Amino acid sequence: MNERIYSLNYTYGNLRYARGETGPAKSYYELAQRILEQDTPYHLLLSACDYKIAYLESSANNRNAAL
């Protein structure tokens, strides 16, 4: 069941990002990240969430948060 939940949150993050809504996109990526860290910490999608969050932080000139 949680696989669908983190996949949906990641997908919603992608949708929000495509619409230019970076704040909500980051929130969805972070939620997917938290679920993945608890359930399957070695899942490939976790690294994708990390990348997307770091990219959004870097785009917002939050370089320290991106690292």
Protein backbone atom coordinates (compact mmCIF):
# COMPACT_ATOMS: atom_id res chain seq x y z
CA MET A 1 0.00 0.00 0.00
CA ASN A 2 2.76 2.47 0.88
CA GLU A 3 4.31 1.89 -2.55
CA ARG A 4 1.32 3.57 -4.10
CA ILE A 5 1.42 6.38 -1.57
CA TYR A 6 5.02 7.37 -2.15
CA SER A 7 4.67 6.88 -5.90
CA LEU A 8 1.60 9.13 -5.94
CA ASN A 9 3.35 11.82 -3.92
CA TYR A 10 6.35 11.72 -6.22
CA THR A 11 4.06 11.93 -9.26
CA TYR A 12 2.11 14.83 -7.75
CA GLY A 13 5.44 16.55 -7.14
CA ASN A 14 6.31 16.14 -10.81
CA LEU A 15 2.91 17.49 -11.82
CA ARG A 16 3.25 20.55 -9.59
CA TYR A 17 6.75 21.17 -10.86
CA ALA A 18 5.56 20.98 -14.47
CA ARG A 19 2.96 23.62 -13.61
CA GLY A 20 5.67 25.86 -12.15
CA GLU A 21 4.50 25.36 -8.56
CA THR A 22 7.83 24.66 -6.93
CA GLY A 23 6.69 25.05 -3.30
CA PRO A 24 3.99 22.37 -3.47
CA ALA A 25 6.25 20.20 -5.62
CA LYS A 26 8.92 20.24 -2.92
CA SER A 27 6.33 19.34 -0.28
CA TYR A 28 5.22 16.29 -2.25
CA TYR A 29 8.82 15.19 -2.86
CA GLU A 30 9.60 15.55 0.84
CA LEU A 31 6.54 13.50 1.81
CA ALA A 32 7.52 10.74 -0.61
CA GLN A 33 11.06 10.92 0.77
CA ARG A 34 9.89 10.50 4.38
CA ILE A 35 7.72 7.51 3.50
CA LEU A 36 10.54 5.88 1.55
CA GLU A 37 13.07 6.45 4.34
CA GLN A 38 10.78 4.63 6.77
CA ASP A 39 9.65 1.77 4.54
CA THR A 40 12.35 1.08 1.97
CA PRO A 41 15.47 3.18 2.59
CA TYR A 42 17.31 1.66 -0.38
CA HIS A 43 14.61 2.24 -2.98
CA LEU A 44 15.75 3.93 -6.19
CA LEU A 45 12.95 6.48 -5.97
CA LEU A 46 14.48 7.80 -2.73
CA SER A 47 17.53 9.02 -4.62
CA ALA A 48 15.21 10.58 -7.21
CA CYS A 49 13.43 12.47 -4.41
CA ASP A 50 16.78 13.62 -3.01
CA TYR A 51 17.81 14.86 -6.45
CA LYS A 52 14.55 16.73 -7.08
CA ILE A 53 14.63 18.42 -3.67
CA ALA A 54 18.28 19.41 -4.13
CA TYR A 55 17.50 20.75 -7.60
CA LEU A 56 14.62 22.88 -6.29
CA GLU A 57 16.77 24.21 -3.46
CA SER A 58 19.60 25.03 -5.86
CA SER A 59 17.17 26.76 -8.23
CA ALA A 60 16.00 28.90 -5.33
CA ASN A 61 19.64 29.83 -4.60
CA ASN A 62 19.63 27.79 -1.38
CA ARG A 63 22.92 26.13 -2.22
CA ASN A 64 23.66 25.01 1.36
CA ALA A 65 20.26 23.33 1.64
CA ALA A 66 20.83 21.65 -1.71
CA LEU A 67 23.94 19.97 -0.36
